[in-house]
Protein backbone atom coordinates (compact mmCIF):
# COMPACT_ATOMS: atom_id res chain seq x y z
CA ALA A 1 -26.28 32.98 -1.62
CA ALA A 2 -25.31 29.51 -2.89
CA ARG A 3 -27.79 29.66 -5.77
CA GLU A 4 -26.56 33.12 -6.72
CA PHE A 5 -23.09 31.73 -7.36
CA GLY A 6 -24.24 28.47 -8.98
CA GLY A 7 -23.92 26.37 -5.84
CA LYS A 8 -26.22 23.97 -4.07
CA VAL A 9 -26.72 23.50 -0.34
CA ILE A 10 -27.34 19.91 0.75
CA ALA A 11 -29.09 19.40 4.08
CA GLN A 12 -27.26 16.76 6.11
CA SER A 13 -29.57 13.82 6.81
CA ARG A 14 -27.57 12.28 9.69
CA LYS A 15 -25.50 13.88 12.42
CA GLY A 16 -21.74 13.54 12.39
CA PHE A 17 -18.91 14.95 10.30
CA GLY A 18 -18.29 11.57 8.69
CA PHE A 19 -21.85 11.38 7.37
CA ALA A 20 -21.59 14.96 6.10
CA LEU A 21 -18.48 14.16 4.08
CA ARG A 22 -19.96 10.97 2.62
CA GLU A 23 -23.14 12.79 1.57
CA GLY A 24 -21.08 15.56 -0.01
CA PHE A 25 -18.86 13.07 -1.83
CA LYS A 26 -21.90 11.26 -3.20
CA ALA A 27 -23.46 14.49 -4.48
CA ALA A 28 -20.26 15.82 -6.07
CA LYS A 29 -20.13 15.62 -9.87
CA GLY A 30 -16.78 17.13 -10.83
CA LYS A 31 -13.33 15.57 -11.31
CA TYR A 32 -12.06 17.08 -8.05
CA ILE A 33 -13.58 17.59 -4.61
CA LEU A 34 -12.49 20.40 -2.30
CA THR A 35 -13.28 20.19 1.41
CA MET A 36 -12.79 23.10 3.79
CA ASP A 37 -14.24 24.57 6.96
CA ALA A 38 -17.04 27.08 6.47
CA ASP A 39 -15.85 29.52 9.15
CA LEU A 40 -13.01 30.91 7.00
CA SER A 41 -10.30 29.33 9.15
CA HIS A 42 -9.40 27.76 5.79
CA GLU A 43 -8.85 30.86 3.70
CA PRO A 44 -9.92 30.46 0.05
CA LYS A 45 -6.73 32.08 -1.20
CA TYR A 46 -4.91 28.76 -0.64
CA VAL A 47 -7.21 26.87 -3.02
CA HIS A 48 -5.16 28.09 -5.99
CA ARG A 49 -2.03 26.56 -4.48
CA MET A 50 -3.79 23.21 -4.10
CA TRP A 51 -5.31 23.40 -7.59
CA SER A 52 -1.88 23.98 -9.12
CA LYS A 53 -0.73 20.61 -7.69
CA ARG A 54 -3.70 18.58 -8.94
CA PHE A 55 -1.60 16.66 -11.49
CA ASP A 56 1.06 15.79 -8.90
CA ALA A 57 -1.14 13.84 -6.49
CA ASP A 58 -4.52 12.24 -5.93
CA LEU A 59 -4.98 13.85 -2.51
CA ILE A 60 -3.61 17.30 -1.74
CA ILE A 61 -3.63 18.37 1.91
CA ALA A 62 -3.34 21.99 2.97
CA SER A 63 -1.03 21.44 5.93
CA ARG A 64 -0.40 23.52 9.01
CA TYR A 65 2.72 21.60 9.95
CA VAL A 66 4.91 21.36 6.86
CA ASP A 67 7.58 23.99 6.21
CA GLY A 68 5.87 27.26 5.37
CA GLY A 69 2.66 26.35 7.19
CA SER A 70 1.46 27.72 10.51
CA ALA A 71 -1.39 27.42 13.00
CA GLN A 72 -2.75 30.33 15.02
CA MET A 73 -4.83 28.66 17.72
CA HIS A 74 -5.06 28.38 21.49
CA ILE A 75 -1.86 26.83 22.87
CA PHE A 76 -3.79 23.93 24.44
CA ARG A 77 -5.42 23.01 21.13
CA TYR A 78 -2.12 23.44 19.29
CA ILE A 79 -0.24 21.07 21.60
CA LEU A 80 -3.00 18.46 21.44
CA SER A 81 -3.14 18.73 17.66
CA ARG A 82 0.61 18.27 17.28
CA ILE A 83 0.65 15.32 19.67
CA LEU A 84 -2.27 13.70 17.85
CA ASN A 85 -0.77 14.14 14.38
CA ASN A 86 2.72 13.06 15.40
CA PHE A 87 1.41 10.00 17.21
CA TYR A 88 -0.78 8.98 14.27
CA ALA A 89 2.07 9.43 11.81
CA PHE A 90 4.41 7.36 13.99
CA ALA A 91 1.88 4.59 14.64
CA LEU A 92 0.98 4.30 10.95
CA SER A 93 4.52 4.82 9.62
CA LEU A 94 3.42 7.73 7.45
CA LYS A 95 5.37 10.84 6.51
CA ILE A 96 2.27 13.03 6.55
CA LYS A 97 2.51 15.95 8.98
CA ASP A 98 -1.13 17.04 9.16
CA LEU A 99 -3.41 14.00 9.05
CA SER A 100 -6.27 15.82 10.75
CA SER A 101 -6.53 18.72 8.29
CA ASN A 102 -9.89 18.90 6.55
CA PHE A 103 -8.60 21.43 4.02
CA ARG A 104 -8.11 18.94 1.20
CA MET A 105 -8.52 18.39 -2.52
CA TYR A 106 -9.41 14.86 -3.63
CA ARG A 107 -9.56 13.41 -7.09
CA LYS A 108 -13.18 12.25 -7.34
CA GLU A 109 -12.22 8.95 -8.96
CA ILE A 110 -10.36 7.73 -5.88
CA ILE A 111 -13.16 8.70 -3.50
CA ASP A 112 -15.54 6.53 -5.52
CA CYS A 113 -13.25 3.54 -4.89
CA ILE A 114 -13.07 3.86 -1.10
CA SER A 115 -15.60 3.06 1.61
CA THR A 116 -15.47 4.54 5.12
CA ASP A 117 -17.51 4.05 8.27
CA SER A 118 -16.19 6.66 10.73
CA VAL A 119 -18.92 8.91 12.12
CA ASN A 120 -17.03 12.00 13.24
CA PHE A 121 -13.78 13.80 12.41
CA ASP A 122 -11.91 10.50 12.61
CA ILE A 123 -13.03 9.94 9.02
CA LEU A 124 -10.09 12.17 8.01
CA PRO A 125 -7.27 9.77 8.99
CA GLU A 126 -9.38 6.83 7.84
CA LEU A 127 -9.75 8.35 4.37
CA LEU A 128 -6.09 9.29 4.20
CA LEU A 129 -4.86 5.86 5.22
CA LYS A 130 -7.13 4.01 2.80
CA ILE A 131 -6.03 6.30 -0.02
CA TYR A 132 -2.40 5.61 0.84
CA CYS A 133 -2.91 1.85 1.20
CA ASN A 134 -4.35 1.76 -2.32
CA GLY A 135 -1.21 3.28 -3.76
CA TRP A 136 -2.57 6.73 -4.59
CA ARG A 137 -0.31 9.74 -4.22
CA ILE A 138 -0.61 12.19 -1.32
CA ILE A 139 1.20 15.51 -0.97
CA GLU A 140 1.00 18.39 1.48
CA VAL A 141 1.16 22.09 0.67
CA PRO A 142 1.61 24.75 3.36
CA PHE A 143 -1.14 27.03 4.56
CA SER A 144 -1.73 29.30 7.56
CA TYR A 145 -4.59 28.27 9.80
CA LYS A 146 -6.40 30.98 11.77
CA THR A 147 -8.94 30.05 14.42
CA ARG A 148 -12.36 31.66 14.07
CA GLY A 149 -14.94 31.86 16.86
CA SER A 150 -14.50 30.51 20.36
CA GLY A 151 -13.05 27.09 19.56
CA ARG A 152 -13.96 23.74 21.08
CA SER A 153 -14.72 22.91 24.68
CA HIS A 154 -12.49 20.47 26.52
CA ILE A 155 -15.32 17.93 26.52
CA LYS A 156 -15.48 18.00 22.73
CA LEU A 157 -11.71 17.70 22.50
CA ILE A 158 -11.77 14.61 24.71
CA ARG A 159 -14.49 13.04 22.56
CA PHE A 160 -12.48 13.99 19.48
CA GLY A 161 -9.40 12.25 20.89
CA LEU A 162 -11.34 9.10 21.81
CA ASP A 163 -12.79 8.87 18.30
CA TYR A 164 -9.32 9.18 16.82
CA PHE A 165 -7.94 6.51 19.14
CA LYS A 166 -10.68 4.01 18.22
CA THR A 167 -10.14 4.68 14.54
CA LEU A 168 -6.38 4.28 14.95
CA LEU A 169 -6.88 0.74 16.26
CA LYS A 170 -9.03 -0.06 13.24
CA ILE A 171 -6.80 1.39 10.54
CA TRP A 172 -3.57 0.19 12.18
CA SER A 173 -4.72 -3.32 11.33
CA LEU A 174 -5.15 -2.33 7.68
CA ARG A 175 -1.81 -0.51 7.61
CA ASN A 176 0.04 -3.64 8.72
CA SER A 177 -1.88 -6.13 6.60
CA ILE A 178 -0.96 -7.52 3.19
CA ASN A 179 -3.61 -5.18 1.76
CA SER A 180 -1.30 -2.23 2.34
CA VAL A 181 0.52 -1.58 -0.93
CA ASP A 182 3.96 -1.19 0.65
CA TYR A 183 3.75 -4.29 2.85
CA ASP A 184 6.81 -5.98 1.30
CA PHE A 185 8.79 -2.76 1.05
CA ARG A 186 8.23 -1.94 4.71
CA ALA A 187 9.15 -5.49 5.72
CA PHE A 188 12.60 -4.96 4.19
CA TYR A 189 13.17 -2.15 6.71
CA SER A 190 11.12 -3.69 9.52
CA LYS A 191 11.97 -3.00 13.16
CA ILE A 192 11.19 -6.65 13.79
CA PHE A 193 14.53 -8.42 13.41
CA LEU A 194 13.24 -11.73 12.07
CA GLN A 195 11.01 -10.09 9.45
CA LYS A 196 13.83 -7.85 8.23
CA PHE A 197 16.33 -10.74 8.22
CA TRP A 198 13.94 -12.91 6.21
CA GLN A 199 13.22 -10.25 3.60
CA ARG A 200 16.87 -9.39 3.19
CA SER A 201 17.91 -13.03 2.98
CA ARG A 202 15.35 -13.57 0.20
CA TYR A 203 16.55 -10.46 -1.59
CA LYS A 204 20.20 -11.50 -1.37
CA THR A 205 19.56 -15.09 -2.46
CA ILE A 206 17.34 -14.30 -5.44
CA LEU A 207 19.61 -11.57 -6.76
CA SER A 208 22.60 -13.90 -6.38
CA PHE A 209 20.80 -16.24 -8.82
CA VAL A 210 20.27 -13.52 -11.47
CA ASP A 211 21.92 -10.36 -12.74
CA ARG A 212 19.88 -7.46 -11.35
CA LYS A 213 20.96 -5.32 -14.31
CA SER A 214 19.62 -7.84 -16.83
CA PHE A 215 16.22 -7.91 -18.50
CA PHE A 216 13.91 -10.29 -16.62
CA LEU A 217 10.27 -10.69 -15.59
CA ASP A 218 9.32 -10.57 -11.92
CA VAL A 219 5.91 -12.25 -11.59
CA GLY A 220 3.95 -11.19 -8.52
CA CYS A 221 6.54 -8.52 -7.77
CA GLY A 222 4.45 -6.84 -5.07
CA SER A 223 6.28 -3.88 -3.55
CA SER A 224 9.52 -5.76 -2.98
CA LYS A 225 13.00 -4.27 -3.12
CA ILE A 226 13.93 -6.80 -5.80
CA ILE A 227 11.91 -5.05 -8.51
CA ILE A 228 12.74 -1.58 -7.18
CA ASP A 229 16.47 -2.31 -7.41
CA SER A 230 16.26 -3.97 -10.86
CA PRO A 231 15.77 -1.08 -13.32
CA ASN A 232 15.69 -3.23 -16.46
CA ALA A 233 13.21 -5.79 -15.15
CA ILE A 234 9.48 -5.92 -15.82
CA GLY A 235 7.32 -6.08 -12.71
CA LEU A 236 4.00 -7.89 -13.02
CA ASP A 237 1.34 -7.94 -10.33
CA LEU A 238 -2.41 -8.41 -10.00
CA SER A 239 -2.69 -5.50 -7.56
CA LEU A 240 -3.05 -2.10 -9.22
CA GLY A 241 -2.35 -0.47 -5.87
CA LYS A 242 1.07 -2.08 -5.59
CA LEU A 243 1.90 -1.05 -9.13
CA ARG A 244 0.85 2.51 -8.28
CA PHE A 245 3.23 2.40 -5.32
CA LEU A 246 6.06 1.12 -7.52
CA SER A 247 5.45 3.65 -10.28
CA GLY A 248 7.40 6.30 -8.43
CA ASN A 249 10.53 4.13 -8.59
CA HIS A 250 9.98 1.89 -11.62
CA ASN A 251 8.43 2.38 -15.05
CA LYS A 252 8.24 -1.15 -16.48
CA LEU A 253 5.07 -2.44 -14.84
CA VAL A 254 2.25 -4.74 -16.01
CA ASN A 255 -1.10 -5.44 -14.36
CA ALA A 256 -1.92 -9.09 -15.07
CA ASP A 257 -2.65 -12.54 -13.62
CA ILE A 258 0.02 -15.21 -13.25
CA THR A 259 -2.37 -17.80 -14.67
CA ASN A 260 -2.59 -15.91 -17.98
CA LEU A 261 0.64 -14.03 -18.61
CA PRO A 262 0.26 -11.42 -21.39
CA PHE A 263 3.46 -12.39 -23.19
CA LYS A 264 4.33 -14.56 -26.18
CA ASP A 265 5.98 -17.94 -25.73
CA ALA A 266 9.71 -17.85 -24.94
CA SER A 267 9.74 -14.07 -24.29
CA PHE A 268 12.27 -13.98 -21.45
CA ASP A 269 15.74 -15.29 -20.67
CA CYS A 270 14.89 -15.11 -16.97
CA VAL A 271 11.68 -15.17 -14.92
CA ILE A 272 11.46 -14.69 -11.15
CA CYS A 273 8.43 -15.79 -9.18
CA SER A 274 8.85 -15.50 -5.42
CA GLN A 275 6.15 -16.17 -2.83
CA VAL A 276 3.30 -16.35 -5.34
CA ILE A 277 2.54 -19.92 -6.38
CA GLU A 278 1.40 -20.93 -2.89
CA HIS A 279 -1.40 -18.34 -3.26
CA ILE A 280 -2.73 -19.98 -6.44
CA ALA A 281 -5.18 -22.88 -6.20
CA GLY A 282 -3.99 -25.96 -8.06
CA LYS A 283 -0.49 -26.85 -9.21
CA THR A 284 -0.59 -26.04 -12.92
CA VAL A 285 0.78 -22.49 -12.71
CA ILE A 286 4.37 -23.65 -13.30
CA ALA A 287 3.46 -24.58 -16.87
CA GLU A 288 2.40 -20.97 -17.54
CA LEU A 289 5.67 -19.65 -16.10
CA ALA A 290 7.60 -22.15 -18.21
CA ARG A 291 5.77 -21.03 -21.35
CA VAL A 292 7.34 -17.56 -21.35
CA VAL A 293 10.91 -18.72 -20.60
CA ASN A 294 13.33 -19.12 -23.51
CA LYS A 295 15.15 -22.39 -24.09
CA GLY A 296 18.29 -22.13 -22.01
CA GLY A 297 16.61 -19.44 -19.89
CA LEU A 298 16.28 -19.35 -16.11
CA LEU A 299 13.33 -19.68 -13.76
CA VAL A 300 13.89 -18.60 -10.15
CA LEU A 301 11.07 -19.92 -8.00
CA GLY A 302 10.50 -19.26 -4.31
CA THR A 303 7.87 -20.79 -2.03
CA PRO A 304 7.58 -22.29 1.48
CA ASP A 305 8.64 -25.91 1.71
CA TYR A 306 5.88 -27.64 3.64
CA ALA A 307 8.02 -30.72 4.10
CA LYS A 308 10.23 -28.71 6.45
CA ILE A 309 9.23 -28.67 10.09
CA MET A 310 10.84 -25.26 10.50
CA TRP A 311 8.41 -23.73 8.01
CA ARG A 312 5.41 -25.22 9.79
CA ILE A 313 6.65 -23.80 13.09
CA PHE A 314 7.28 -20.35 11.63
CA GLU A 315 3.91 -20.30 9.90
CA TYR A 316 2.08 -21.24 13.08
CA LEU A 317 3.86 -18.59 15.15
CA TYR A 318 3.34 -15.98 12.43
CA SER A 319 -0.38 -16.69 12.33
CA ILE A 320 -0.54 -15.90 16.06
CA VAL A 321 1.42 -12.64 16.06
CA HIS A 322 0.19 -11.38 12.68
CA SER A 323 -3.30 -12.64 11.94
CA LYS A 324 -3.61 -10.21 9.00
CA GLY A 325 -0.53 -11.59 7.24
CA TYR A 326 -0.14 -14.04 4.39
CA VAL A 327 -0.84 -17.31 6.19
CA GLU A 328 -4.52 -17.74 5.36
CA GLN A 329 -3.78 -17.11 1.69
CA HIS A 330 -1.37 -20.03 1.39
CA VAL A 331 -3.89 -22.27 -0.34
CA THR A 332 -1.45 -24.62 -2.12
CA HIS A 333 1.37 -26.32 -0.26
CA TYR A 334 4.53 -27.41 -2.06
CA THR A 335 7.54 -29.49 -1.11
CA TYR A 336 10.93 -29.58 -2.81
CA GLU A 337 10.30 -33.03 -4.25
CA GLU A 338 6.99 -31.91 -5.75
CA LEU A 339 8.51 -28.81 -7.28
CA LYS A 340 11.41 -30.81 -8.67
CA LYS A 341 8.94 -33.14 -10.42
CA PHE A 342 6.80 -30.29 -11.78
CA LEU A 343 9.86 -28.44 -13.07
CA GLU A 344 11.28 -31.51 -14.76
CA GLN A 345 7.92 -32.17 -16.40
CA ALA A 346 7.96 -28.58 -17.67
CA GLY A 347 11.41 -29.11 -19.22
CA PHE A 348 13.70 -27.65 -16.55
CA GLU A 349 16.79 -28.88 -14.78
CA ILE A 350 17.53 -27.62 -11.27
CA LEU A 351 20.86 -25.80 -11.01
CA ARG A 352 20.75 -24.62 -7.40
CA ARG A 353 18.51 -24.50 -4.39
CA ALA A 354 18.73 -22.53 -1.18
CA TYR A 355 16.75 -22.19 2.02
CA ILE A 356 16.01 -19.33 4.36
CA LEU A 357 16.23 -20.75 7.89
CA ASN A 358 15.55 -24.21 6.45
CA ALA A 359 11.97 -23.14 5.75
CA GLU A 360 11.54 -21.05 2.59
CA LEU A 361 12.78 -22.74 -0.57
CA ILE A 362 14.35 -20.86 -3.50
CA ILE A 363 15.17 -22.77 -6.69
CA LYS A 364 17.19 -21.77 -9.73
CA ALA A 365 16.30 -23.89 -12.77
CA ARG A 366 17.24 -23.82 -16.46
CA LYS A 367 14.95 -24.68 -19.36
CA ILE A 368 16.51 -27.42 -21.49
């Protein structure tokens, strides 16, 4: 039957839904990959709806639980499915309603960029989360699910739930690490008081040093609220994923390295660089920032001050409670006196300085 319609059946070499998906992905040759259940619980008539949205997202999920969707299944399975999906969405801070749906359309290009290791159906949330954490777009479209056959036994459902729980622990770590594209954005709205206070203090201080409506360059912008709320600024970051995340709210974005800025000398009246230079080995990066600042222009520089005991205390405590955070990537340690010397050597005078909790230093300097 497959050959008659130009298809090809691939015999699965290893047991497990996860292996089946990976083998199918590897064999696929087109620009898009459609996955669906073979028992017609995923009715083909909904494929057209998904196909029509292919330019709006990188992953399109046919969802039972968005408005217009429905699920005709045994009440026990329905309740478990809703609990599972709601819990996953809450734990991962995602607005996806149906994380466990296998009725999906992927852009092949993104699948080629992602590795997975889940064996069973838990590959579905793993794939979704890794797609999201790389900044690719995900949307849901409604469909009506109809159970075919006799359904699963309770034993299989329990195994299914255990697999999902183990995978949740694994991907929760990724979701809350700096490798998640919206790490900085989420921190601004964090439920952890200190994290939210710190982000908002940084935001307030930096934007008090510049005019958010002016034209400036934000180097290492990440997914911060500073670039999102500065419509005339250019955001520059090494992470394509973070730029993908920002692209929905900002259209002046550049993918580049701070050590080799793709701009002519004296291109900007103002450059912001917050929480970046400590991630760069060596202490010559300030010269590159200075190069693109006009005479009389401003450089706003933020970094931890390692001469402050409060920073060392905060960093130590943070490394304990959030081992996947930034701490290990702080490879170059600055103090205010060092930065003052480097800035003066680069032709700047310091106009103002401020601290967040006497730990994080923010400097406003003018090129003379």
